[in-house]
């Protein structure tokens, strides 16, 4: 397989990449406005996650790295496994990650600074 065939293959997937990008972008915006509309529910959910993962913060840096590595590997395995049977699963993971990111952007009040200036085309 040469470079041009890889390039052509990736180019042939451009519609899927764009579709995934827009799902992710929509889910970030959805999560932002969801947190704006229902901050109590989002804070309860984050408190539950904090309770579950509070033990990870007590670990040393390398153990935290291993925890994140194994957790991400497990999620990737589930995505690969379920994408063969249920093609919607990878998009649900993408959507849920975007919703969490959007909610965190709202709760941390970093919305304007989180948008890259190149997308906004503003002068500094």
PDB file of N, CA and C in Angstrom:
ATOM      1  N   UNK A   1       0.847  -1.171   0.000  1.00  0.00           N
ATOM      2  CA  UNK A   1       0.000   0.000   0.000  1.00  0.00           C
ATOM      3  C   UNK A   1       0.896   1.239   0.000  1.00  0.00           C
ATOM      4  N   UNK A   2       0.759   2.065  -0.997  1.00  0.00           N
ATOM      5  CA  UNK A   2       1.597   3.256  -1.070  1.00  0.00           C
ATOM      6  C   UNK A   2       0.885   4.466  -0.472  1.00  0.00           C
ATOM      7  N   UNK A   3       1.608   5.578  -0.437  1.00  0.00           N
ATOM      8  CA  UNK A   3       1.085   6.783   0.208  1.00  0.00           C
ATOM      9  C   UNK A   3      -0.174   7.299  -0.485  1.00  0.00           C
ATOM     10  N   UNK A   4      -0.213   7.278  -1.792  1.00  0.00           N
ATOM     11  CA  UNK A   4      -1.368   7.811  -2.514  1.00  0.00           C
ATOM     12  C   UNK A   4      -2.622   6.979  -2.247  1.00  0.00           C
ATOM     13  N   UNK A   5      -2.472   5.684  -2.115  1.00  0.00           N
ATOM     14  CA  UNK A   5      -3.659   4.875  -1.844  1.00  0.00           C
ATOM     15  C   UNK A   5      -4.181   5.126  -0.427  1.00  0.00           C
ATOM     16  N   UNK A   6      -3.278   5.375   0.515  1.00  0.00           N
ATOM     17  CA  UNK A   6      -3.712   5.727   1.868  1.00  0.00           C
ATOM     18  C   UNK A   6      -4.410   7.078   1.843  1.00  0.00           C
ATOM     19  N   UNK A   7      -3.828   8.009   1.121  1.00  0.00           N
ATOM     20  CA  UNK A   7      -4.416   9.344   1.005  1.00  0.00           C
ATOM     21  C   UNK A   7      -5.794   9.263   0.346  1.00  0.00           C
ATOM     22  N   UNK A   8      -5.922   8.463  -0.702  1.00  0.00           N
ATOM     23  CA  UNK A   8      -7.210   8.306  -1.374  1.00  0.00           C
ATOM     24  C   UNK A   8      -8.235   7.640  -0.461  1.00  0.00           C
ATOM     25  N   UNK A   9      -7.784   6.680   0.324  1.00  0.00           N
ATOM     26  CA  UNK A   9      -8.692   6.006   1.243  1.00  0.00           C
ATOM     27  C   UNK A   9      -9.216   6.979   2.306  1.00  0.00           C
ATOM     28  N   UNK A  10      -8.308   7.750   2.894  1.00  0.00           N
ATOM     29  CA  UNK A  10      -8.726   8.727   3.903  1.00  0.00           C
ATOM     30  C   UNK A  10      -9.650   9.771   3.282  1.00  0.00           C
ATOM     31  N   UNK A  11      -9.332  10.197   2.062  1.00  0.00           N
ATOM     32  CA  UNK A  11     -10.187  11.171   1.379  1.00  0.00           C
ATOM     33  C   UNK A  11     -11.565  10.590   1.101  1.00  0.00           C
ATOM     34  N   UNK A  12     -11.629   9.298   0.845  1.00  0.00           N
ATOM     35  CA  UNK A  12     -12.927   8.667   0.592  1.00  0.00           C
ATOM     36  C   UNK A  12     -13.795   8.621   1.854  1.00  0.00           C
ATOM     37  N   UNK A  13     -13.180   8.758   3.012  1.00  0.00           N
ATOM     38  CA  UNK A  13     -13.912   8.749   4.277  1.00  0.00           C
ATOM     39  C   UNK A  13     -14.283  10.150   4.759  1.00  0.00           C
ATOM     40  N   UNK A  14     -14.089  11.157   3.924  1.00  0.00           N
ATOM     41  CA  UNK A  14     -14.293  12.535   4.356  1.00  0.00           C
ATOM     42  C   UNK A  14     -15.726  12.798   4.818  1.00  0.00           C
ATOM     43  N   UNK A  15     -16.706  12.172   4.198  1.00  0.00           N
ATOM     44  CA  UNK A  15     -18.094  12.392   4.620  1.00  0.00           C
ATOM     45  C   UNK A  15     -18.331  11.826   6.014  1.00  0.00           C
ATOM     46  N   UNK A  16     -17.736  10.690   6.299  1.00  0.00           N
ATOM     47  CA  UNK A  16     -17.858  10.107   7.634  1.00  0.00           C
ATOM     48  C   UNK A  16     -17.151  10.978   8.666  1.00  0.00           C
ATOM     49  N   UNK A  17     -15.964  11.502   8.325  1.00  0.00           N
ATOM     50  CA  UNK A  17     -15.252  12.396   9.234  1.00  0.00           C
ATOM     51  C   UNK A  17     -16.066  13.660   9.496  1.00  0.00           C
ATOM     52  N   UNK A  18     -16.628  14.236   8.461  1.00  0.00           N
ATOM     53  CA  UNK A  18     -17.453  15.434   8.632  1.00  0.00           C
ATOM     54  C   UNK A  18     -18.694  15.140   9.465  1.00  0.00           C
ATOM     55  N   UNK A  19     -19.327  14.018   9.200  1.00  0.00           N
ATOM     56  CA  UNK A  19     -20.499  13.613   9.965  1.00  0.00           C
ATOM     57  C   UNK A  19     -20.131  13.467  11.444  1.00  0.00           C
ATOM     58  N   UNK A  20     -19.013  12.819  11.730  1.00  0.00           N
ATOM     59  CA  UNK A  20     -18.564  12.640  13.109  1.00  0.00           C
ATOM     60  C   UNK A  20     -18.226  13.981  13.751  1.00  0.00           C
ATOM     61  N   UNK A  21     -17.575  14.847  12.995  1.00  0.00           N
ATOM     62  CA  UNK A  21     -17.231  16.177  13.512  1.00  0.00           C
ATOM     63  C   UNK A  21     -18.488  16.952  13.889  1.00  0.00           C
ATOM     64  N   UNK A  22     -19.500  16.921  13.030  1.00  0.00           N
ATOM     65  CA  UNK A  22     -20.719  17.665  13.314  1.00  0.00           C
ATOM     66  C   UNK A  22     -21.522  17.050  14.458  1.00  0.00           C
ATOM     67  N   UNK A  23     -21.476  15.735  14.605  1.00  0.00           N
ATOM     68  CA  UNK A  23     -22.107  15.104  15.771  1.00  0.00           C
ATOM     69  C   UNK A  23     -21.406  15.575  17.043  1.00  0.00           C
ATOM     70  N   UNK A  24     -20.088  15.593  17.019  1.00  0.00           N
ATOM     71  CA  UNK A  24     -19.326  16.020  18.187  1.00  0.00           C
ATOM     72  C   UNK A  24     -19.582  17.494  18.493  1.00  0.00           C
ATOM     73  N   UNK A  25     -19.568  18.335  17.479  1.00  0.00           N
ATOM     74  CA  UNK A  25     -19.827  19.758  17.668  1.00  0.00           C
ATOM     75  C   UNK A  25     -21.238  19.993  18.209  1.00  0.00           C
ATOM     76  N   UNK A  26     -22.214  19.315  17.630  1.00  0.00           N
ATOM     77  CA  UNK A  26     -23.588  19.427  18.114  1.00  0.00           C
ATOM     78  C   UNK A  26     -23.703  18.966  19.556  1.00  0.00           C
ATOM     79  N   UNK A  27     -23.025  17.880  19.897  1.00  0.00           N
ATOM     80  CA  UNK A  27     -23.135  17.358  21.264  1.00  0.00           C
ATOM     81  C   UNK A  27     -22.463  18.290  22.270  1.00  0.00           C
ATOM     82  N   UNK A  28     -21.396  18.983  21.880  1.00  0.00           N
ATOM     83  CA  UNK A  28     -20.777  19.967  22.768  1.00  0.00           C
ATOM     84  C   UNK A  28     -21.752  21.112  23.027  1.00  0.00           C
ATOM     85  N   UNK A  29     -22.378  21.608  21.967  1.00  0.00           N
ATOM     86  CA  UNK A  29     -23.360  22.693  22.113  1.00  0.00           C
ATOM     87  C   UNK A  29     -24.556  22.210  22.930  1.00  0.00           C
ATOM     88  N   UNK A  30     -25.005  20.993  22.671  1.00  0.00           N
ATOM     89  CA  UNK A  30     -26.115  20.415  23.428  1.00  0.00           C
ATOM     90  C   UNK A  30     -25.765  20.306  24.910  1.00  0.00           C
ATOM     91  N   UNK A  31     -24.576  19.825  25.216  1.00  0.00           N
ATOM     92  CA  UNK A  31     -24.141  19.701  26.607  1.00  0.00           C
ATOM     93  C   UNK A  31     -24.020  21.049  27.296  1.00  0.00           C
ATOM     94  N   UNK A  32     -23.562  22.060  26.551  1.00  0.00           N
ATOM     95  CA  UNK A  32     -23.454  23.411  27.102  1.00  0.00           C
ATOM     96  C   UNK A  32     -24.828  23.929  27.511  1.00  0.00           C
ATOM     97  N   UNK A  33     -25.797  23.833  26.595  1.00  0.00           N
ATOM     98  CA  UNK A  33     -27.127  24.347  26.900  1.00  0.00           C
ATOM     99  C   UNK A  33     -27.892  23.452  27.876  1.00  0.00           C
ATOM    100  N   UNK A  34     -27.572  22.175  27.895  1.00  0.00           N
ATOM    101  CA  UNK A  34     -28.162  21.282  28.894  1.00  0.00           C
ATOM    102  C   UNK A  34     -27.699  21.688  30.285  1.00  0.00           C
ATOM    103  N   UNK A  35     -26.413  21.980  30.426  1.00  0.00           N
ATOM    104  CA  UNK A  35     -25.888  22.416  31.725  1.00  0.00           C
ATOM    105  C   UNK A  35     -26.422  23.786  32.090  1.00  0.00           C
ATOM    106  N   UNK A  36     -26.641  24.621  31.099  1.00  0.00           N
ATOM    107  CA  UNK A  36     -27.193  25.953  31.366  1.00  0.00           C
ATOM    108  C   UNK A  36     -28.646  25.850  31.827  1.00  0.00           C
ATOM    109  N   UNK A  37     -29.395  24.931  31.257  1.00  0.00           N
ATOM    110  CA  UNK A  37     -30.810  24.775  31.590  1.00  0.00           C
ATOM    111  C   UNK A  37     -31.032  23.979  32.873  1.00  0.00           C
ATOM    112  N   UNK A  38     -30.209  22.972  33.097  1.00  0.00           N
ATOM    113  CA  UNK A  38     -30.375  22.083  34.256  1.00  0.00           C
ATOM    114  C   UNK A  38     -29.049  21.914  35.001  1.00  0.00           C
ATOM    115  N   UNK A  39     -28.525  22.973  35.609  1.00  0.00           N
ATOM    116  CA  UNK A  39     -27.214  22.843  36.270  1.00  0.00           C
ATOM    117  C   UNK A  39     -27.231  21.892  37.460  1.00  0.00           C
ATOM    118  N   UNK A  40     -28.377  21.774  38.135  1.00  0.00           N
ATOM    119  CA  UNK A  40     -28.438  20.880  39.300  1.00  0.00           C
ATOM    120  C   UNK A  40     -28.248  19.422  38.899  1.00  0.00           C
ATOM    121  N   UNK A  41     -28.868  19.030  37.812  1.00  0.00           N
ATOM    122  CA  UNK A  41     -28.738  17.644  37.347  1.00  0.00           C
ATOM    123  C   UNK A  41     -27.302  17.356  36.923  1.00  0.00           C
ATOM    124  N   UNK A  42     -26.693  18.305  36.221  1.00  0.00           N
ATOM    125  CA  UNK A  42     -25.307  18.120  35.778  1.00  0.00           C
ATOM    126  C   UNK A  42     -24.380  18.043  36.985  1.00  0.00           C
ATOM    127  N   UNK A  43     -24.592  18.899  37.972  1.00  0.00           N
ATOM    128  CA  UNK A  43     -23.748  18.865  39.169  1.00  0.00           C
ATOM    129  C   UNK A  43     -23.936  17.567  39.954  1.00  0.00           C
ATOM    130  N   UNK A  44     -25.161  17.047  40.000  1.00  0.00           N
ATOM    131  CA  UNK A  44     -25.392  15.752  40.656  1.00  0.00           C
ATOM    132  C   UNK A  44     -24.654  14.639  39.922  1.00  0.00           C
ATOM    133  N   UNK A  45     -24.720  14.666  38.606  1.00  0.00           N
ATOM    134  CA  UNK A  45     -24.036  13.643  37.808  1.00  0.00           C
ATOM    135  C   UNK A  45     -22.535  13.725  38.010  1.00  0.00           C
ATOM    136  N   UNK A  46     -21.988  14.939  37.995  1.00  0.00           N
ATOM    137  CA  UNK A  46     -20.552  15.098  38.208  1.00  0.00           C
ATOM    138  C   UNK A  46     -20.144  14.698  39.621  1.00  0.00           C
ATOM    139  N   UNK A  47     -21.017  14.936  40.595  1.00  0.00           N
ATOM    140  CA  UNK A  47     -20.725  14.502  41.972  1.00  0.00           C
ATOM    141  C   UNK A  47     -20.683  12.981  42.063  1.00  0.00           C
ATOM    142  N   UNK A  48     -21.589  12.322  41.360  1.00  0.00           N
ATOM    143  CA  UNK A  48     -21.581  10.853  41.345  1.00  0.00           C
ATOM    144  C   UNK A  48     -20.311  10.332  40.681  1.00  0.00           C
ATOM    145  N   UNK A  49     -19.902  10.960  39.589  1.00  0.00           N
ATOM    146  CA  UNK A  49     -18.650  10.554  38.932  1.00  0.00           C
ATOM    147  C   UNK A  49     -17.455  10.814  39.835  1.00  0.00           C
ATOM    148  N   UNK A  50     -17.491  11.929  40.537  1.00  0.00           N
ATOM    149  CA  UNK A  50     -16.392  12.250  41.446  1.00  0.00           C
ATOM    150  C   UNK A  50     -16.296  11.207  42.554  1.00  0.00           C
ATOM    151  N   UNK A  51     -17.438  10.763  43.057  1.00  0.00           N
ATOM    152  CA  UNK A  51     -17.434   9.744  44.108  1.00  0.00           C
ATOM    153  C   UNK A  51     -16.858   8.429  43.591  1.00  0.00           C
ATOM    154  N   UNK A  52     -17.182   8.087  42.366  1.00  0.00           N
ATOM    155  CA  UNK A  52     -16.689   6.836  41.786  1.00  0.00           C
ATOM    156  C   UNK A  52     -15.185   6.910  41.526  1.00  0.00           C
ATOM    157  N   UNK A  53     -14.738   8.046  41.000  1.00  0.00           N
ATOM    158  CA  UNK A  53     -13.337   8.160  40.580  1.00  0.00           C
ATOM    159  C   UNK A  53     -12.457   8.919  41.565  1.00  0.00           C
ATOM    160  N   UNK A  54     -12.938   9.170  42.775  1.00  0.00           N
ATOM    161  CA  UNK A  54     -12.134   9.920  43.741  1.00  0.00           C
ATOM    162  C   UNK A  54     -10.877   9.148  44.157  1.00  0.00           C
ATOM    163  N   UNK A  55     -10.939   7.838  44.120  1.00  0.00           N
ATOM    164  CA  UNK A  55      -9.776   7.033  44.486  1.00  0.00           C
ATOM    165  C   UNK A  55      -8.640   7.163  43.487  1.00  0.00           C
ATOM    166  N   UNK A  56      -8.991   7.508  42.245  1.00  0.00           N
ATOM    167  CA  UNK A  56      -7.959   7.656  41.211  1.00  0.00           C
ATOM    168  C   UNK A  56      -7.073   8.852  41.518  1.00  0.00           C
ATOM    169  N   UNK A  57      -7.646   9.905  42.085  1.00  0.00           N
ATOM    170  CA  UNK A  57      -6.876  11.103  42.412  1.00  0.00           C
ATOM    171  C   UNK A  57      -5.830  10.828  43.491  1.00  0.00           C
ATOM    172  N   UNK A  58      -6.034   9.802  44.276  1.00  0.00           N
ATOM    173  CA  UNK A  58      -5.083   9.463  45.340  1.00  0.00           C
ATOM    174  C   UNK A  58      -3.879   8.680  44.824  1.00  0.00           C
ATOM    175  N   UNK A  59      -3.971   8.188  43.604  1.00  0.00           N
ATOM    176  CA  UNK A  59      -2.883   7.389  43.041  1.00  0.00           C
ATOM    177  C   UNK A  59      -1.732   8.286  42.589  1.00  0.00           C
ATOM    178  N   UNK A  60      -0.553   7.684  42.468  1.00  0.00           N
ATOM    179  CA  UNK A  60       0.579   8.439  41.936  1.00  0.00           C
ATOM    180  C   UNK A  60       0.392   8.641  40.430  1.00  0.00           C
ATOM    181  N   UNK A  61       1.212   9.463  39.822  1.00  0.00           N
ATOM    182  CA  UNK A  61       1.047   9.845  38.414  1.00  0.00           C
ATOM    183  C   UNK A  61       1.075   8.645  37.473  1.00  0.00           C
ATOM    184  N   UNK A  62       1.998   7.733  37.686  1.00  0.00           N
ATOM    185  CA  UNK A  62       2.095   6.585  36.790  1.00  0.00           C
ATOM    186  C   UNK A  62       0.874   5.678  36.923  1.00  0.00           C
ATOM    187  N   UNK A  63       0.373   5.506  38.122  1.00  0.00           N
ATOM    188  CA  UNK A  63      -0.826   4.688  38.321  1.00  0.00           C
ATOM    189  C   UNK A  63      -2.048   5.353  37.695  1.00  0.00           C
ATOM    190  N   UNK A  64      -2.127   6.677  37.771  1.00  0.00           N
ATOM    191  CA  UNK A  64      -3.207   7.395  37.099  1.00  0.00           C
ATOM    192  C   UNK A  64      -3.114   7.206  35.588  1.00  0.00           C
ATOM    193  N   UNK A  65      -1.885   7.284  35.081  1.00  0.00           N
ATOM    194  CA  UNK A  65      -1.661   7.046  33.656  1.00  0.00           C
ATOM    195  C   UNK A  65      -2.144   5.648  33.260  1.00  0.00           C
ATOM    196  N   UNK A  66      -1.789   4.640  34.052  1.00  0.00           N
ATOM    197  CA  UNK A  66      -2.210   3.271  33.748  1.00  0.00           C
ATOM    198  C   UNK A  66      -3.728   3.126  33.830  1.00  0.00           C
ATOM    199  N   UNK A  67      -4.345   3.779  34.816  1.00  0.00           N
ATOM    200  CA  UNK A  67      -5.804   3.720  34.936  1.00  0.00           C
ATOM    201  C   UNK A  67      -6.467   4.301  33.697  1.00  0.00           C
ATOM    202  N   UNK A  68      -6.019   5.464  33.267  1.00  0.00           N
ATOM    203  CA  UNK A  68      -6.596   6.105  32.081  1.00  0.00           C
ATOM    204  C   UNK A  68      -6.329   5.253  30.842  1.00  0.00           C
ATOM    205  N   UNK A  69      -5.130   4.715  30.732  1.00  0.00           N
ATOM    206  CA  UNK A  69      -4.784   3.875  29.586  1.00  0.00           C
ATOM    207  C   UNK A  69      -5.687   2.644  29.513  1.00  0.00           C
ATOM    208  N   UNK A  70      -5.856   1.948  30.629  1.00  0.00           N
ATOM    209  CA  UNK A  70      -6.690   0.742  30.622  1.00  0.00           C
ATOM    210  C   UNK A  70      -8.169   1.074  30.439  1.00  0.00           C
ATOM    211  N   UNK A  71      -8.614   2.175  31.022  1.00  0.00           N
ATOM    212  CA  UNK A  71     -10.010   2.576  30.836  1.00  0.00           C
ATOM    213  C   UNK A  71     -10.274   2.919  29.368  1.00  0.00           C
ATOM    214  N   UNK A  72      -9.389   3.688  28.770  1.00  0.00           N
ATOM    215  CA  UNK A  72      -9.563   4.039  27.356  1.00  0.00           C
ATOM    216  C   UNK A  72      -9.442   2.816  26.450  1.00  0.00           C
ATOM    217  N   UNK A  73      -8.548   1.904  26.803  1.00  0.00           N
ATOM    218  CA  UNK A  73      -8.418   0.672  26.019  1.00  0.00           C
ATOM    219  C   UNK A  73      -9.688  -0.168  26.107  1.00  0.00           C
ATOM    220  N   UNK A  74     -10.281  -0.228  27.274  1.00  0.00           N
ATOM    221  CA  UNK A  74     -11.523  -0.979  27.457  1.00  0.00           C
ATOM    222  C   UNK A  74     -12.650  -0.358  26.642  1.00  0.00           C
ATOM    223  N   UNK A  75     -12.768   0.972  26.690  1.00  0.00           N
ATOM    224  CA  UNK A  75     -13.808   1.650  25.916  1.00  0.00           C
ATOM    225  C   UNK A  75     -13.572   1.443  24.422  1.00  0.00           C
ATOM    226  N   UNK A  76     -12.325   1.520  23.983  1.00  0.00           N
ATOM    227  CA  UNK A  76     -12.014   1.273  22.579  1.00  0.00           C
ATOM    228  C   UNK A  76     -12.380  -0.154  22.179  1.00  0.00           C
ATOM    229  N   UNK A  77     -12.102  -1.115  23.053  1.00  0.00           N
ATOM    230  CA  UNK A  77     -12.481  -2.496  22.785  1.00  0.00           C
ATOM    231  C   UNK A  77     -13.991  -2.626  22.627  1.00  0.00           C
ATOM    232  N   UNK A  78     -14.747  -1.965  23.525  1.00  0.00           N
ATOM    233  CA  UNK A  78     -16.210  -2.002  23.416  1.00  0.00           C
ATOM    234  C   UNK A  78     -16.695  -1.350  22.121  1.00  0.00           C
ATOM    235  N   UNK A  79     -16.059  -0.249  21.746  1.00  0.00           N
ATOM    236  CA  UNK A  79     -16.436   0.415  20.491  1.00  0.00           C
ATOM    237  C   UNK A  79     -16.198  -0.520  19.316  1.00  0.00           C
ATOM    238  N   UNK A  80     -15.039  -1.155  19.285  1.00  0.00           N
ATOM    239  CA  UNK A  80     -14.740  -2.077  18.185  1.00  0.00           C
ATOM    240  C   UNK A  80     -15.684  -3.270  18.180  1.00  0.00           C
ATOM    241  N   UNK A  81     -15.948  -3.823  19.347  1.00  0.00           N
ATOM    242  CA  UNK A  81     -16.815  -4.991  19.443  1.00  0.00           C
ATOM    243  C   UNK A  81     -18.244  -4.669  19.024  1.00  0.00           C
ATOM    244  N   UNK A  82     -18.800  -3.614  19.607  1.00  0.00           N
ATOM    245  CA  UNK A  82     -20.197  -3.293  19.339  1.00  0.00           C
ATOM    246  C   UNK A  82     -20.413  -2.601  17.998  1.00  0.00           C
ATOM    247  N   UNK A  83     -19.367  -2.034  17.406  1.00  0.00           N
ATOM    248  CA  UNK A  83     -19.564  -1.404  16.099  1.00  0.00           C
ATOM    249  C   UNK A  83     -19.818  -2.452  15.020  1.00  0.00           C
ATOM    250  N   UNK A  84     -19.375  -3.673  15.240  1.00  0.00           N
ATOM    251  CA  UNK A  84     -19.665  -4.731  14.274  1.00  0.00           C
ATOM    252  C   UNK A  84     -21.134  -5.129  14.317  1.00  0.00           C
ATOM    253  N   UNK A  85     -21.718  -5.097  15.495  1.00  0.00           N
ATOM    254  CA  UNK A  85     -23.095  -5.529  15.662  1.00  0.00           C
ATOM    255  C   UNK A  85     -24.085  -4.366  15.666  1.00  0.00           C
ATOM    256  N   UNK A  86     -23.707  -3.308  16.360  1.00  0.00           N
ATOM    257  CA  UNK A  86     -24.578  -2.135  16.475  1.00  0.00           C
ATOM    258  C   UNK A  86     -23.756  -0.920  16.060  1.00  0.00           C
ATOM    259  N   UNK A  87     -23.917  -0.473  14.846  1.00  0.00           N
ATOM    260  CA  UNK A  87     -23.098   0.616  14.319  1.00  0.00           C
ATOM    261  C   UNK A  87     -23.292   1.939  15.024  1.00  0.00           C
ATOM    262  N   UNK A  88     -24.307   2.050  15.844  1.00  0.00           N
ATOM    263  CA  UNK A  88     -24.606   3.309  16.518  1.00  0.00           C
ATOM    264  C   UNK A  88     -23.714   3.529  17.746  1.00  0.00           C
ATOM    265  N   UNK A  89     -23.136   2.480  18.302  1.00  0.00           N
ATOM    266  CA  UNK A  89     -22.377   2.586  19.548  1.00  0.00           C
ATOM    267  C   UNK A  89     -21.220   3.584  19.478  1.00  0.00           C
ATOM    268  N   UNK A  90     -20.391   3.596  18.436  1.00  0.00           N
ATOM    269  CA  UNK A  90     -19.316   4.592  18.380  1.00  0.00           C
ATOM    270  C   UNK A  90     -19.843   6.022  18.386  1.00  0.00           C
ATOM    271  N   UNK A  91     -20.978   6.245  17.747  1.00  0.00           N
ATOM    272  CA  UNK A  91     -21.530   7.594  17.727  1.00  0.00           C
ATOM    273  C   UNK A  91     -22.123   7.971  19.083  1.00  0.00           C
ATOM    274  N   UNK A  92     -22.635   6.991  19.824  1.00  0.00           N
ATOM    275  CA  UNK A  92     -23.118   7.282  21.180  1.00  0.00           C
ATOM    276  C   UNK A  92     -21.963   7.673  22.095  1.00  0.00           C
ATOM    277  N   UNK A  93     -20.837   7.019  21.951  1.00  0.00           N
ATOM    278  CA  UNK A  93     -19.659   7.374  22.740  1.00  0.00           C
ATOM    279  C   UNK A  93     -19.189   8.770  22.357  1.00  0.00           C
ATOM    280  N   UNK A  94     -19.154   9.053  21.063  1.00  0.00           N
ATOM    281  CA  UNK A  94     -18.757  10.379  20.582  1.00  0.00           C
ATOM    282  C   UNK A  94     -19.711  11.443  21.115  1.00  0.00           C
ATOM    283  N   UNK A  95     -21.006  11.168  21.056  1.00  0.00           N
ATOM    284  CA  UNK A  95     -22.012  12.121  21.525  1.00  0.00           C
ATOM    285  C   UNK A  95     -21.896  12.346  23.029  1.00  0.00           C
ATOM    286  N   UNK A  96     -21.742  11.274  23.794  1.00  0.00           N
ATOM    287  CA  UNK A  96     -21.665  11.422  25.251  1.00  0.00           C
ATOM    288  C   UNK A  96     -20.402  12.179  25.664  1.00  0.00           C
ATOM    289  N   UNK A  97     -19.294  11.964  24.977  1.00  0.00           N
ATOM    290  CA  UNK A  97     -18.074  12.720  25.265  1.00  0.00           C
ATOM    291  C   UNK A  97     -18.275  14.202  24.979  1.00  0.00           C
ATOM    292  N   UNK A  98     -18.957  14.519  23.896  1.00  0.00           N
ATOM    293  CA  UNK A  98     -19.232  15.911  23.570  1.00  0.00           C
ATOM    294  C   UNK A  98     -20.152  16.570  24.575  1.00  0.00           C
ATOM    295  N   UNK A  99     -21.170  15.844  25.040  1.00  0.00           N
ATOM    296  CA  UNK A  99     -22.091  16.401  26.039  1.00  0.00           C
ATOM    297  C   UNK A  99     -21.341  16.702  27.335  1.00  0.00           C
ATOM    298  N   UNK A 100     -20.497  15.791  27.773  1.00  0.00           N
ATOM    299  CA  UNK A 100     -19.719  16.024  28.995  1.00  0.00           C
ATOM    300  C   UNK A 100     -18.781  17.215  28.800  1.00  0.00           C
ATOM    301  N   UNK A 101     -18.139  17.296  27.663  1.00  0.00           N
ATOM    302  CA  UNK A 101     -17.244  18.416  27.384  1.00  0.00           C
ATOM    303  C   UNK A 101     -18.009  19.737  27.366  1.00  0.00           C
ATOM    304  N   UNK A 102     -19.166  19.760  26.730  1.00  0.00           N
ATOM    305  CA  UNK A 102     -19.981  20.970  26.699  1.00  0.00           C
ATOM    306  C   UNK A 102     -20.452  21.380  28.081  1.00  0.00           C
ATOM    307  N   UNK A 103     -20.850  20.422  28.900  1.00  0.00           N
ATOM    308  CA  UNK A 103     -21.282  20.729  30.268  1.00  0.00           C
ATOM    309  C   UNK A 103     -20.123  21.277  31.096  1.00  0.00           C
ATOM    310  N   UNK A 104     -18.954  20.690  30.937  1.00  0.00           N
ATOM    311  CA  UNK A 104     -17.786  21.191  31.671  1.00  0.00           C
ATOM    312  C   UNK A 104     -17.393  22.584  31.206  1.00  0.00           C
ATOM    313  N   UNK A 105     -17.507  22.837  29.919  1.00  0.00           N
ATOM    314  CA  UNK A 105     -17.212  24.180  29.408  1.00  0.00           C
ATOM    315  C   UNK A 105     -18.143  25.196  30.055  1.00  0.00           C
ATOM    316  N   UNK A 106     -19.415  24.855  30.177  1.00  0.00           N
ATOM    317  CA  UNK A 106     -20.358  25.774  30.819  1.00  0.00           C
ATOM    318  C   UNK A 106     -20.041  25.936  32.303  1.00  0.00           C
ATOM    319  N   UNK A 107     -19.851  24.833  32.999  1.00  0.00           N
ATOM    320  CA  UNK A 107     -19.649  24.895  34.449  1.00  0.00           C
ATOM    321  C   UNK A 107     -18.341  25.569  34.828  1.00  0.00           C
ATOM    322  N   UNK A 108     -17.338  25.470  33.993  1.00  0.00           N
ATOM    323  CA  UNK A 108     -16.043  26.092  34.287  1.00  0.00           C
ATOM    324  C   UNK A 108     -15.937  27.508  33.720  1.00  0.00           C
ATOM    325  N   UNK A 109     -17.005  27.965  33.074  1.00  0.00           N
ATOM    326  CA  UNK A 109     -17.050  29.315  32.506  1.00  0.00           C
ATOM    327  C   UNK A 109     -15.872  29.604  31.579  1.00  0.00           C
ATOM    328  N   UNK A 110     -15.586  28.674  30.695  1.00  0.00           N
ATOM    329  CA  UNK A 110     -14.478  28.872  29.759  1.00  0.00           C
ATOM    330  C   UNK A 110     -14.954  28.902  28.313  1.00  0.00           C
ATOM    331  N   UNK A 111     -16.245  29.163  28.079  1.00  0.00           N
ATOM    332  CA  UNK A 111     -16.770  29.103  26.719  1.00  0.00           C
ATOM    333  C   UNK A 111     -16.034  30.004  25.747  1.00  0.00           C
ATOM    334  N   UNK A 112     -15.883  31.313  26.011  1.00  0.00           N
ATOM    335  CA  UNK A 112     -15.217  32.144  24.992  1.00  0.00           C
ATOM    336  C   UNK A 112     -13.764  31.762  24.767  1.00  0.00           C
ATOM    337  N   UNK A 113     -13.053  31.399  25.832  1.00  0.00           N
ATOM    338  CA  UNK A 113     -11.641  31.091  25.658  1.00  0.00           C
ATOM    339  C   UNK A 113     -11.406  29.677  25.135  1.00  0.00           C
ATOM    340  N   UNK A 114     -12.452  28.853  25.134  1.00  0.00           N
ATOM    341  CA  UNK A 114     -12.266  27.485  24.658  1.00  0.00           C
ATOM    342  C   UNK A 114     -12.429  27.374  23.148  1.00  0.00           C
ATOM    343  N   UNK A 115     -13.015  28.389  22.532  1.00  0.00           N
ATOM    344  CA  UNK A 115     -13.176  28.369  21.086  1.00  0.00           C
ATOM    345  C   UNK A 115     -11.876  28.870  20.471  1.00  0.00           C
ATOM    346  N   UNK A 116     -11.252  28.070  19.648  1.00  0.00           N
ATOM    347  CA  UNK A 116      -9.989  28.527  19.045  1.00  0.00           C
ATOM    348  C   UNK A 116     -10.207  29.807  18.244  1.00  0.00           C
ATOM    349  N   UNK A 117      -9.322  30.774  18.403  1.00  0.00           N
ATOM    350  CA  UNK A 117      -9.480  32.042  17.684  1.00  0.00           C
ATOM    351  C   UNK A 117      -9.521  31.884  16.174  1.00  0.00           C
ATOM    352  N   UNK A 118      -8.930  30.829  15.665  1.00  0.00           N
ATOM    353  CA  UNK A 118      -8.954  30.639  14.214  1.00  0.00           C
ATOM    354  C   UNK A 118     -10.359  30.348  13.707  1.00  0.00           C
ATOM    355  N   UNK A 119     -11.208  29.747  14.538  1.00  0.00           N
ATOM    356  CA  UNK A 119     -12.583  29.492  14.129  1.00  0.00           C
ATOM    357  C   UNK A 119     -13.430  30.749  14.202  1.00  0.00           C
ATOM    358  N   UNK A 120     -13.094  31.645  15.109  1.00  0.00           N
ATOM    359  CA  UNK A 120     -13.858  32.860  15.296  1.00  0.00           C
ATOM    360  C   UNK A 120     -13.370  33.953  14.366  1.00  0.00           C
ATOM    361  N   UNK A 121     -12.118  33.890  13.947  1.00  0.00           N
ATOM    362  CA  UNK A 121     -11.496  34.894  13.080  1.00  0.00           C
ATOM    363  C   UNK A 121     -11.520  36.277  13.708  1.00  0.00           C
ATOM    364  N   UNK A 122     -11.123  36.342  14.943  1.00  0.00           N
ATOM    365  CA  UNK A 122     -11.079  37.639  15.609  1.00  0.00           C
ATOM    366  C   UNK A 122      -9.650  38.073  15.786  1.00  0.00           C
ATOM    367  N   UNK A 123      -9.463  39.349  15.905  1.00  0.00           N
ATOM    368  CA  UNK A 123      -8.141  39.897  16.153  1.00  0.00           C
ATOM    369  C   UNK A 123      -7.870  39.906  17.641  1.00  0.00           C
ATOM    370  N   UNK A 124      -6.645  39.709  17.989  1.00  0.00           N
ATOM    371  CA  UNK A 124      -6.286  39.721  19.422  1.00  0.00           C
ATOM    372  C   UNK A 124      -5.745  41.058  19.780  1.00  0.00           C
TER     373      UNK A 124
END
